[in-house]
Amino acid sequence: MALIREPSVEPYGLVPVELGPAVREAAAHWPSDELFLVIHRALRDVRRARVVWGLLLERVARAGS
């Protein structure tokens, strides 16, 4: 699951997730110009985690250009 701006949902083939009222209210105050990949510390150096992070960075950079 990713928290991204709604216009980015369809181009990436994603599906919106229904947020509960408390999460929706809190999300309104979250930064919208930062990207985080949350994984367990033990997985930081696992190749597939690095590949996912690289793919996210590439897609975000492409979308911003």
PDB file of N, CA and C in Angstrom:
ATOM      1  N   MET A   1       0.846  -1.156   0.000  1.00  0.00           N
ATOM      2  CA  MET A   1       0.000   0.000   0.000  1.00  0.00           C
ATOM      3  C   MET A   1       0.899   1.229   0.000  1.00  0.00           C
ATOM      4  N   ALA A   2       0.515   2.206  -0.759  1.00  0.00           N
ATOM      5  CA  ALA A   2       1.270   3.455  -0.850  1.00  0.00           C
ATOM      6  C   ALA A   2       0.325   4.624  -0.665  1.00  0.00           C
ATOM      7  N   LEU A   3       0.811   5.648  -0.062  1.00  0.00           N
ATOM      8  CA  LEU A   3       0.042   6.886   0.057  1.00  0.00           C
ATOM      9  C   LEU A   3       0.564   7.841  -1.006  1.00  0.00           C
ATOM     10  N   ILE A   4      -0.232   8.017  -2.038  1.00  0.00           N
ATOM     11  CA  ILE A   4       0.157   8.899  -3.139  1.00  0.00           C
ATOM     12  C   ILE A   4      -1.024   9.786  -3.503  1.00  0.00           C
ATOM     13  N   ARG A   5      -0.756  10.803  -4.254  1.00  0.00           N
ATOM     14  CA  ARG A   5      -1.816  11.694  -4.694  1.00  0.00           C
ATOM     15  C   ARG A   5      -2.728  10.964  -5.679  1.00  0.00           C
ATOM     16  N   GLU A   6      -4.000  11.287  -5.597  1.00  0.00           N
ATOM     17  CA  GLU A   6      -5.004  10.582  -6.390  1.00  0.00           C
ATOM     18  C   GLU A   6      -4.726  10.576  -7.897  1.00  0.00           C
ATOM     19  N   PRO A   7      -4.221  11.661  -8.500  1.00  0.00           N
ATOM     20  CA  PRO A   7      -3.964  11.612  -9.948  1.00  0.00           C
ATOM     21  C   PRO A   7      -2.932  10.561 -10.359  1.00  0.00           C
ATOM     22  N   SER A   8      -2.139  10.073  -9.424  1.00  0.00           N
ATOM     23  CA  SER A   8      -1.127   9.066  -9.746  1.00  0.00           C
ATOM     24  C   SER A   8      -1.673   7.643  -9.688  1.00  0.00           C
ATOM     25  N   VAL A   9      -2.876   7.460  -9.201  1.00  0.00           N
ATOM     26  CA  VAL A   9      -3.425   6.117  -9.012  1.00  0.00           C
ATOM     27  C   VAL A   9      -3.624   5.408 -10.346  1.00  0.00           C
ATOM     28  N   GLU A  10      -4.415   5.961 -11.227  1.00  0.00           N
ATOM     29  CA  GLU A  10      -4.752   5.285 -12.477  1.00  0.00           C
ATOM     30  C   GLU A  10      -3.556   5.056 -13.404  1.00  0.00           C
ATOM     31  N   PRO A  11      -2.678   6.061 -13.626  1.00  0.00           N
ATOM     32  CA  PRO A  11      -1.550   5.824 -14.535  1.00  0.00           C
ATOM     33  C   PRO A  11      -0.652   4.655 -14.132  1.00  0.00           C
ATOM     34  N   TYR A  12      -0.579   4.369 -12.829  1.00  0.00           N
ATOM     35  CA  TYR A  12       0.267   3.274 -12.365  1.00  0.00           C
ATOM     36  C   TYR A  12      -0.508   1.987 -12.159  1.00  0.00           C
ATOM     37  N   GLY A  13      -1.790   1.973 -12.543  1.00  0.00           N
ATOM     38  CA  GLY A  13      -2.590   0.767 -12.401  1.00  0.00           C
ATOM     39  C   GLY A  13      -2.893   0.419 -10.956  1.00  0.00           C
ATOM     40  N   LEU A  14      -2.961   1.425 -10.103  1.00  0.00           N
ATOM     41  CA  LEU A  14      -3.228   1.199  -8.686  1.00  0.00           C
ATOM     42  C   LEU A  14      -4.719   1.327  -8.401  1.00  0.00           C
ATOM     43  N   VAL A  15      -5.112   0.901  -7.225  1.00  0.00           N
ATOM     44  CA  VAL A  15      -6.507   0.948  -6.808  1.00  0.00           C
ATOM     45  C   VAL A  15      -6.573   1.710  -5.485  1.00  0.00           C
ATOM     46  N   PRO A  16      -7.492   2.676  -5.376  1.00  0.00           N
ATOM     47  CA  PRO A  16      -7.594   3.415  -4.121  1.00  0.00           C
ATOM     48  C   PRO A  16      -7.997   2.515  -2.953  1.00  0.00           C
ATOM     49  N   VAL A  17      -7.481   2.831  -1.783  1.00  0.00           N
ATOM     50  CA  VAL A  17      -7.817   2.116  -0.554  1.00  0.00           C
ATOM     51  C   VAL A  17      -8.723   3.018   0.269  1.00  0.00           C
ATOM     52  N   GLU A  18      -9.785   2.463   0.808  1.00  0.00           N
ATOM     53  CA  GLU A  18     -10.678   3.228   1.664  1.00  0.00           C
ATOM     54  C   GLU A  18     -10.019   3.415   3.034  1.00  0.00           C
ATOM     55  N   LEU A  19      -9.854   4.660   3.442  1.00  0.00           N
ATOM     56  CA  LEU A  19      -9.270   4.965   4.740  1.00  0.00           C
ATOM     57  C   LEU A  19     -10.376   5.288   5.730  1.00  0.00           C
ATOM     58  N   GLY A  20     -10.181   4.860   6.960  1.00  0.00           N
ATOM     59  CA  GLY A  20     -11.119   5.205   8.016  1.00  0.00           C
ATOM     60  C   GLY A  20     -11.015   6.689   8.336  1.00  0.00           C
ATOM     61  N   PRO A  21     -12.008   7.251   8.974  1.00  0.00           N
ATOM     62  CA  PRO A  21     -12.024   8.687   9.266  1.00  0.00           C
ATOM     63  C   PRO A  21     -10.790   9.185  10.022  1.00  0.00           C
ATOM     64  N   ALA A  22     -10.326   8.442  11.006  1.00  0.00           N
ATOM     65  CA  ALA A  22      -9.164   8.879  11.791  1.00  0.00           C
ATOM     66  C   ALA A  22      -7.905   8.923  10.931  1.00  0.00           C
ATOM     67  N   VAL A  23      -7.715   7.924  10.102  1.00  0.00           N
ATOM     68  CA  VAL A  23      -6.529   7.891   9.231  1.00  0.00           C
ATOM     69  C   VAL A  23      -6.632   8.977   8.175  1.00  0.00           C
ATOM     70  N   ARG A  24      -7.806   9.156   7.598  1.00  0.00           N
ATOM     71  CA  ARG A  24      -8.008  10.185   6.578  1.00  0.00           C
ATOM     72  C   ARG A  24      -7.687  11.574   7.153  1.00  0.00           C
ATOM     73  N   GLU A  25      -8.136  11.838   8.377  1.00  0.00           N
ATOM     74  CA  GLU A  25      -7.869  13.127   9.011  1.00  0.00           C
ATOM     75  C   GLU A  25      -6.367  13.305   9.269  1.00  0.00           C
ATOM     76  N   ALA A  26      -5.722  12.269   9.776  1.00  0.00           N
ATOM     77  CA  ALA A  26      -4.280  12.344  10.038  1.00  0.00           C
ATOM     78  C   ALA A  26      -3.503  12.503   8.735  1.00  0.00           C
ATOM     79  N   ALA A  27      -3.924  11.817   7.686  1.00  0.00           N
ATOM     80  CA  ALA A  27      -3.214  11.847   6.403  1.00  0.00           C
ATOM     81  C   ALA A  27      -3.213  13.238   5.781  1.00  0.00           C
ATOM     82  N   ALA A  28      -4.194  14.040   6.116  1.00  0.00           N
ATOM     83  CA  ALA A  28      -4.253  15.397   5.576  1.00  0.00           C
ATOM     84  C   ALA A  28      -3.044  16.222   6.014  1.00  0.00           C
ATOM     85  N   HIS A  29      -2.384  15.821   7.095  1.00  0.00           N
ATOM     86  CA  HIS A  29      -1.243  16.574   7.629  1.00  0.00           C
ATOM     87  C   HIS A  29       0.109  15.931   7.294  1.00  0.00           C
ATOM     88  N   TRP A  30       0.099  14.792   6.627  1.00  0.00           N
ATOM     89  CA  TRP A  30       1.351  14.125   6.278  1.00  0.00           C
ATOM     90  C   TRP A  30       2.029  14.851   5.126  1.00  0.00           C
ATOM     91  N   PRO A  31       3.364  14.814   5.070  1.00  0.00           N
ATOM     92  CA  PRO A  31       4.073  15.465   3.962  1.00  0.00           C
ATOM     93  C   PRO A  31       3.702  14.806   2.632  1.00  0.00           C
ATOM     94  N   SER A  32       3.612  15.620   1.600  1.00  0.00           N
ATOM     95  CA  SER A  32       3.260  15.075   0.288  1.00  0.00           C
ATOM     96  C   SER A  32       4.439  15.097  -0.672  1.00  0.00           C
ATOM     97  N   ASP A  33       5.593  15.530  -0.197  1.00  0.00           N
ATOM     98  CA  ASP A  33       6.759  15.617  -1.071  1.00  0.00           C
ATOM     99  C   ASP A  33       7.908  14.713  -0.615  1.00  0.00           C
ATOM    100  N   GLU A  34       7.583  13.697   0.172  1.00  0.00           N
ATOM    101  CA  GLU A  34       8.593  12.749   0.635  1.00  0.00           C
ATOM    102  C   GLU A  34       8.147  11.339   0.289  1.00  0.00           C
ATOM    103  N   LEU A  35       9.119  10.453   0.136  1.00  0.00           N
ATOM    104  CA  LEU A  35       8.836   9.058  -0.195  1.00  0.00           C
ATOM    105  C   LEU A  35       9.541   8.173   0.815  1.00  0.00           C
ATOM    106  N   PHE A  36       8.798   7.259   1.408  1.00  0.00           N
ATOM    107  CA  PHE A  36       9.348   6.323   2.378  1.00  0.00           C
ATOM    108  C   PHE A  36       8.992   4.904   1.969  1.00  0.00           C
ATOM    109  N   LEU A  37       9.902   3.996   2.140  1.00  0.00           N
ATOM    110  CA  LEU A  37       9.631   2.572   1.994  1.00  0.00           C
ATOM    111  C   LEU A  37       9.831   1.980   3.385  1.00  0.00           C
ATOM    112  N   VAL A  38       8.771   1.497   3.964  1.00  0.00           N
ATOM    113  CA  VAL A  38       8.830   0.979   5.326  1.00  0.00           C
ATOM    114  C   VAL A  38       8.976  -0.536   5.274  1.00  0.00           C
ATOM    115  N   ILE A  39      10.107  -1.013   5.739  1.00  0.00           N
ATOM    116  CA  ILE A  39      10.382  -2.452   5.785  1.00  0.00           C
ATOM    117  C   ILE A  39      11.106  -2.751   7.092  1.00  0.00           C
ATOM    118  N   HIS A  40      11.156  -3.988   7.430  1.00  0.00           N
ATOM    119  CA  HIS A  40      11.886  -4.399   8.630  1.00  0.00           C
ATOM    120  C   HIS A  40      13.375  -4.157   8.407  1.00  0.00           C
ATOM    121  N   ARG A  41      14.047  -3.740   9.448  1.00  0.00           N
ATOM    122  CA  ARG A  41      15.475  -3.434   9.372  1.00  0.00           C
ATOM    123  C   ARG A  41      16.279  -4.601   8.779  1.00  0.00           C
ATOM    124  N   ALA A  42      15.899  -5.831   9.104  1.00  0.00           N
ATOM    125  CA  ALA A  42      16.631  -7.002   8.617  1.00  0.00           C
ATOM    126  C   ALA A  42      16.541  -7.147   7.098  1.00  0.00           C
ATOM    127  N   LEU A  43      15.586  -6.468   6.466  1.00  0.00           N
ATOM    128  CA  LEU A  43      15.403  -6.595   5.011  1.00  0.00           C
ATOM    129  C   LEU A  43      16.052  -5.468   4.223  1.00  0.00           C
ATOM    130  N   ARG A  44      16.700  -4.543   4.885  1.00  0.00           N
ATOM    131  CA  ARG A  44      17.287  -3.393   4.183  1.00  0.00           C
ATOM    132  C   ARG A  44      18.228  -3.782   3.064  1.00  0.00           C
ATOM    133  N   ASP A  45      19.018  -4.803   3.278  1.00  0.00           N
ATOM    134  CA  ASP A  45      20.014  -5.187   2.282  1.00  0.00           C
ATOM    135  C   ASP A  45      19.561  -6.340   1.397  1.00  0.00           C
ATOM    136  N   VAL A  46      18.311  -6.724   1.494  1.00  0.00           N
ATOM    137  CA  VAL A  46      17.778  -7.786   0.631  1.00  0.00           C
ATOM    138  C   VAL A  46      17.580  -7.203  -0.762  1.00  0.00           C
ATOM    139  N   ARG A  47      18.035  -7.925  -1.751  1.00  0.00           N
ATOM    140  CA  ARG A  47      18.015  -7.420  -3.127  1.00  0.00           C
ATOM    141  C   ARG A  47      16.624  -6.975  -3.567  1.00  0.00           C
ATOM    142  N   ARG A  48      15.598  -7.748  -3.276  1.00  0.00           N
ATOM    143  CA  ARG A  48      14.256  -7.384  -3.764  1.00  0.00           C
ATOM    144  C   ARG A  48      13.770  -6.085  -3.130  1.00  0.00           C
ATOM    145  N   ALA A  49      14.174  -5.799  -1.898  1.00  0.00           N
ATOM    146  CA  ALA A  49      13.811  -4.523  -1.273  1.00  0.00           C
ATOM    147  C   ALA A  49      14.518  -3.376  -1.986  1.00  0.00           C
ATOM    148  N   ARG A  50      15.787  -3.557  -2.313  1.00  0.00           N
ATOM    149  CA  ARG A  50      16.527  -2.517  -3.044  1.00  0.00           C
ATOM    150  C   ARG A  50      15.940  -2.298  -4.429  1.00  0.00           C
ATOM    151  N   VAL A  51      15.497  -3.371  -5.076  1.00  0.00           N
ATOM    152  CA  VAL A  51      14.893  -3.256  -6.412  1.00  0.00           C
ATOM    153  C   VAL A  51      13.590  -2.480  -6.337  1.00  0.00           C
ATOM    154  N   VAL A  52      12.756  -2.769  -5.349  1.00  0.00           N
ATOM    155  CA  VAL A  52      11.493  -2.040  -5.189  1.00  0.00           C
ATOM    156  C   VAL A  52      11.778  -0.563  -4.947  1.00  0.00           C
ATOM    157  N   TRP A  53      12.719  -0.251  -4.078  1.00  0.00           N
ATOM    158  CA  TRP A  53      13.055   1.134  -3.795  1.00  0.00           C
ATOM    159  C   TRP A  53      13.543   1.834  -5.067  1.00  0.00           C
ATOM    160  N   GLY A  54      14.410   1.182  -5.814  1.00  0.00           N
ATOM    161  CA  GLY A  54      14.904   1.755  -7.066  1.00  0.00           C
ATOM    162  C   GLY A  54      13.784   2.018  -8.060  1.00  0.00           C
ATOM    163  N   LEU A  55      12.856   1.079  -8.157  1.00  0.00           N
ATOM    164  CA  LEU A  55      11.720   1.235  -9.061  1.00  0.00           C
ATOM    165  C   LEU A  55      10.846   2.416  -8.630  1.00  0.00           C
ATOM    166  N   LEU A  56      10.585   2.535  -7.337  1.00  0.00           N
ATOM    167  CA  LEU A  56       9.792   3.661  -6.840  1.00  0.00           C
ATOM    168  C   LEU A  56      10.461   4.993  -7.166  1.00  0.00           C
ATOM    169  N   LEU A  57      11.751   5.089  -6.908  1.00  0.00           N
ATOM    170  CA  LEU A  57      12.467   6.327  -7.197  1.00  0.00           C
ATOM    171  C   LEU A  57      12.429   6.656  -8.693  1.00  0.00           C
ATOM    172  N   GLU A  58      12.593   5.650  -9.523  1.00  0.00           N
ATOM    173  CA  GLU A  58      12.569   5.846 -10.977  1.00  0.00           C
ATOM    174  C   GLU A  58      11.194   6.345 -11.437  1.00  0.00           C
ATOM    175  N   ARG A  59      10.143   5.702 -10.949  1.00  0.00           N
ATOM    176  CA  ARG A  59       8.768   6.092 -11.346  1.00  0.00           C
ATOM    177  C   ARG A  59       8.435   7.499 -10.873  1.00  0.00           C
ATOM    178  N   VAL A  60       8.815   7.825  -9.644  1.00  0.00           N
ATOM    179  CA  VAL A  60       8.520   9.152  -9.115  1.00  0.00           C
ATOM    180  C   VAL A  60       9.284  10.214  -9.912  1.00  0.00           C
ATOM    181  N   ALA A  61      10.538   9.941 -10.229  1.00  0.00           N
ATOM    182  CA  ALA A  61      11.338  10.888 -11.008  1.00  0.00           C
ATOM    183  C   ALA A  61      10.731  11.082 -12.399  1.00  0.00           C
ATOM    184  N   ARG A  62      10.285   9.995 -13.005  1.00  0.00           N
ATOM    185  CA  ARG A  62       9.683  10.055 -14.336  1.00  0.00           C
ATOM    186  C   ARG A  62       8.378  10.842 -14.300  1.00  0.00           C
ATOM    187  N   ALA A  63       7.584  10.629 -13.252  1.00  0.00           N
ATOM    188  CA  ALA A  63       6.295  11.322 -13.126  1.00  0.00           C
ATOM    189  C   ALA A  63       6.499  12.814 -12.898  1.00  0.00           C
ATOM    190  N   GLY A  64       7.600  13.179 -12.270  1.00  0.00           N
ATOM    191  CA  GLY A  64       7.858  14.582 -11.978  1.00  0.00           C
ATOM    192  C   GLY A  64       8.472  15.350 -13.132  1.00  0.00           C
ATOM    193  N   SER A  65       8.894  14.644 -14.170  1.00  0.00           N
ATOM    194  CA  SER A  65       9.537  15.347 -15.287  1.00  0.00           C
ATOM    195  C   SER A  65       8.595  15.658 -16.409  1.00  0.00           C
TER     196      SER A  65
END
